[in-house]
Amino acid sequence: MHTYIALLRGINVGGHKKVPMAELRELLTNSGLQNVKTYIQSGNVIFQSLERSSNILEDTIQKVILKHFDFQVLVIIKTRAELLLIYNNCPFLDSKKTDSYFVILNEIPEALVVENASEKTYPNDEYVIFNDCIYLFCANGYGRSKFNLNYFEKKLNVIATARNYKTMLKLLSLSDI
């Protein structure tokens, strides 16, 4: 049995794409996933499965949500080891790391695309693109940052979802089965 973390993008935000977590746990359990747990309302699911393919698991979760809730949700699946590596690779010192965001990508973007995307800067915002994560520190808070998921997705040609430091710690803790 393998442990995975599913990161759902854009649910329960501003009254859009409402997905009750108890209902989601039941749906995913009925679809064959095991030991399904959720963390907060923003789309964090920890589960176990015999399936080894993240792509198949992403597709399964997307189809279950589409069929039941009648809307599409983007899903990124990571193993605990992958999420731990992302967390450990954070380039910021602890003083910034605890206030940073981890923008998790569905794949590693091409080097030239990363180079072009890295040219844009704003005062008060720092970011480092490394492998399948963008480490983002916003001195004035994420809501006031000039950068957002749409910017990075468009520039890097990837799917992305962001989690803050505390959420990353909790997901690592919950997935330590």
Protein backbone atom coordinates (compact mmCIF):
# COMPACT_ATOMS: atom_id res chain seq x y z
CA MET A 1 0.00 0.00 0.00
CA HIS A 2 1.37 3.42 -0.99
CA THR A 3 0.59 6.75 0.67
CA TYR A 4 -0.26 9.77 -1.47
CA ILE A 5 -1.24 13.38 -1.02
CA ALA A 6 -3.75 14.82 -3.49
CA LEU A 7 -3.71 18.58 -3.85
CA LEU A 8 -6.97 19.84 -5.35
CA ARG A 9 -6.88 23.26 -6.95
CA GLY A 10 -9.51 25.91 -6.51
CA ILE A 11 -12.20 24.23 -4.43
CA ASN A 12 -14.18 25.97 -1.67
CA VAL A 13 -12.72 29.37 -2.59
CA GLY A 14 -15.07 32.33 -2.59
CA GLY A 15 -18.16 30.14 -2.71
CA HIS A 16 -17.09 28.44 -5.92
CA LYS A 17 -16.69 24.72 -6.51
CA LYS A 18 -18.02 23.72 -3.11
CA VAL A 19 -16.83 20.29 -2.03
CA PRO A 20 -17.72 19.17 1.50
CA MET A 21 -14.78 17.21 2.88
CA ALA A 22 -16.90 14.46 4.50
CA GLU A 23 -18.62 13.88 1.16
CA LEU A 24 -15.29 13.88 -0.67
CA ARG A 25 -13.81 11.33 1.76
CA GLU A 26 -16.80 9.04 1.21
CA LEU A 27 -16.64 9.39 -2.59
CA LEU A 28 -12.93 8.65 -2.71
CA THR A 29 -13.27 5.70 -0.36
CA ASN A 30 -16.07 4.31 -2.54
CA SER A 31 -13.82 4.72 -5.60
CA GLY A 32 -11.29 2.31 -4.06
CA LEU A 33 -8.90 4.60 -2.22
CA GLN A 34 -8.08 3.57 1.35
CA ASN A 35 -7.59 5.39 4.65
CA VAL A 36 -8.80 8.66 3.11
CA LYS A 37 -8.21 11.75 5.26
CA THR A 38 -8.70 15.41 4.44
CA TYR A 39 -7.10 18.48 5.90
CA ILE A 40 -8.96 21.80 5.99
CA GLN A 41 -11.45 22.79 3.32
CA SER A 42 -8.97 23.83 0.63
CA GLY A 43 -8.45 20.47 -1.04
CA ASN A 44 -5.84 18.40 0.73
CA VAL A 45 -6.42 14.64 0.69
CA ILE A 46 -4.17 11.98 2.15
CA PHE A 47 -4.90 8.40 1.11
CA GLN A 48 -3.43 5.01 0.39
CA SER A 49 -3.68 2.93 -2.76
CA LEU A 50 -2.11 -0.07 -4.41
CA GLU A 51 -1.97 1.97 -7.63
CA ARG A 52 1.53 3.28 -8.33
CA SER A 53 0.73 5.73 -11.13
CA SER A 54 0.09 9.30 -10.00
CA ASN A 55 -1.47 10.04 -13.40
CA ILE A 56 -4.04 7.28 -12.98
CA LEU A 57 -4.83 8.45 -9.43
CA GLU A 58 -5.19 12.08 -10.58
CA ASP A 59 -7.51 10.98 -13.36
CA THR A 60 -9.58 8.84 -10.96
CA ILE A 61 -10.07 11.68 -8.49
CA GLN A 62 -10.90 14.18 -11.25
CA LYS A 63 -13.52 11.84 -12.73
CA VAL A 64 -15.12 11.10 -9.33
CA ILE A 65 -15.43 14.83 -8.59
CA LEU A 66 -16.73 15.64 -12.08
CA LYS A 67 -19.33 12.90 -11.96
CA HIS A 68 -20.59 13.73 -8.47
CA PHE A 69 -20.23 17.53 -8.30
CA ASP A 70 -20.52 18.31 -12.02
CA PHE A 71 -17.40 20.47 -12.27
CA GLN A 72 -13.76 19.87 -13.11
CA VAL A 73 -11.04 20.16 -10.49
CA LEU A 74 -7.33 20.05 -11.24
CA VAL A 75 -5.48 17.51 -9.07
CA ILE A 76 -1.78 17.11 -8.38
CA ILE A 77 -0.67 13.91 -6.64
CA LYS A 78 2.56 13.64 -4.69
CA THR A 79 3.98 10.86 -2.59
CA ARG A 80 5.03 11.72 0.95
CA ALA A 81 8.68 11.37 -0.14
CA GLU A 82 8.12 13.83 -2.99
CA LEU A 83 6.38 16.32 -0.70
CA LEU A 84 9.14 15.97 1.89
CA LEU A 85 11.78 16.63 -0.77
CA ILE A 86 9.90 19.76 -1.88
CA TYR A 87 9.73 20.93 1.74
CA ASN A 88 13.40 20.19 2.43
CA ASN A 89 14.57 21.93 -0.75
CA CYS A 90 13.13 25.28 0.30
CA PRO A 91 15.96 27.77 -0.28
CA PHE A 92 14.76 30.38 2.23
CA LEU A 93 16.17 30.79 5.70
CA ASP A 94 13.81 29.79 8.50
CA SER A 95 12.81 33.41 9.11
CA LYS A 96 11.32 33.54 5.59
CA LYS A 97 10.51 29.85 5.18
CA THR A 98 7.79 29.93 7.85
CA ASP A 99 6.00 32.70 5.94
CA SER A 100 6.56 31.28 2.48
CA TYR A 101 4.37 29.44 -0.01
CA PHE A 102 5.12 26.27 -1.88
CA VAL A 103 3.69 26.48 -5.39
CA ILE A 104 3.62 22.84 -6.39
CA LEU A 105 3.76 22.05 -10.09
CA ASN A 106 2.40 19.02 -11.90
CA GLU A 107 5.72 18.59 -13.71
CA ILE A 108 9.22 20.02 -13.93
CA PRO A 109 9.18 22.84 -16.48
CA GLU A 110 11.77 23.09 -19.22
CA ALA A 111 14.98 24.93 -18.25
CA LEU A 112 14.61 27.65 -20.90
CA VAL A 113 11.03 28.33 -19.82
CA VAL A 114 12.16 28.60 -16.18
CA GLU A 115 14.93 30.99 -17.19
CA ASN A 116 12.47 33.24 -19.05
CA ALA A 117 9.93 33.16 -16.21
CA SER A 118 12.61 34.01 -13.66
CA GLU A 119 13.36 37.36 -15.29
CA LYS A 120 10.34 39.10 -13.77
CA THR A 121 10.80 40.54 -10.29
CA TYR A 122 8.87 42.77 -7.92
CA PRO A 123 10.01 44.42 -4.73
CA ASN A 124 8.79 42.54 -1.63
CA ASP A 125 8.34 39.26 -3.56
CA GLU A 126 11.03 36.62 -3.88
CA TYR A 127 10.79 33.30 -5.62
CA VAL A 128 12.95 30.40 -6.64
CA ILE A 129 11.85 27.84 -9.21
CA PHE A 130 13.43 24.49 -8.44
CA ASN A 131 12.32 21.23 -10.02
CA ASP A 132 8.54 20.90 -9.53
CA CYS A 133 8.09 23.71 -6.99
CA ILE A 134 8.18 27.47 -6.86
CA TYR A 135 9.24 28.72 -3.45
CA LEU A 136 7.51 32.05 -2.98
CA PHE A 137 8.04 34.58 -0.21
CA CYS A 138 5.78 37.62 -0.19
CA ALA A 139 6.83 40.21 2.38
CA ASN A 140 3.39 41.85 2.23
CA GLY A 141 1.43 38.57 2.16
CA TYR A 142 0.30 36.27 -0.64
CA GLY A 143 -2.89 38.25 -1.25
CA ARG A 144 -0.88 41.39 -1.98
CA SER A 145 1.75 39.69 -4.13
CA LYS A 146 2.09 40.66 -7.77
CA PHE A 147 2.60 36.97 -8.54
CA ASN A 148 -0.22 34.44 -8.67
CA LEU A 149 -0.84 30.93 -9.91
CA ASN A 150 -2.09 32.11 -13.29
CA TYR A 151 1.16 33.98 -13.93
CA PHE A 152 3.33 30.96 -13.17
CA GLU A 153 1.08 28.48 -15.00
CA LYS A 154 1.09 30.62 -18.12
CA LYS A 155 4.83 31.34 -18.06
CA LEU A 156 5.88 27.78 -17.22
CA ASN A 157 3.14 25.93 -19.12
CA VAL A 158 2.24 23.82 -16.07
CA ILE A 159 -0.59 23.26 -13.61
CA ALA A 160 0.11 24.66 -10.15
CA THR A 161 -1.41 24.85 -6.69
CA ALA A 162 -0.06 26.67 -3.65
CA ARG A 163 0.19 25.62 -0.02
CA ASN A 164 1.57 27.63 2.85
CA TYR A 165 4.26 26.46 5.26
CA LYS A 166 1.85 25.34 7.99
CA THR A 167 -0.20 23.29 5.54
CA MET A 168 2.94 21.60 4.21
CA LEU A 169 3.95 20.64 7.76
CA LYS A 170 0.50 19.26 8.51
CA LEU A 171 0.34 17.25 5.26
CA LEU A 172 3.72 15.72 6.02
CA SER A 173 2.58 14.87 9.53
CA LEU A 174 -0.75 13.34 8.40
CA SER A 175 0.93 11.30 5.67
CA ASP A 176 3.52 9.79 8.02
CA ILE A 177 1.71 6.45 8.21
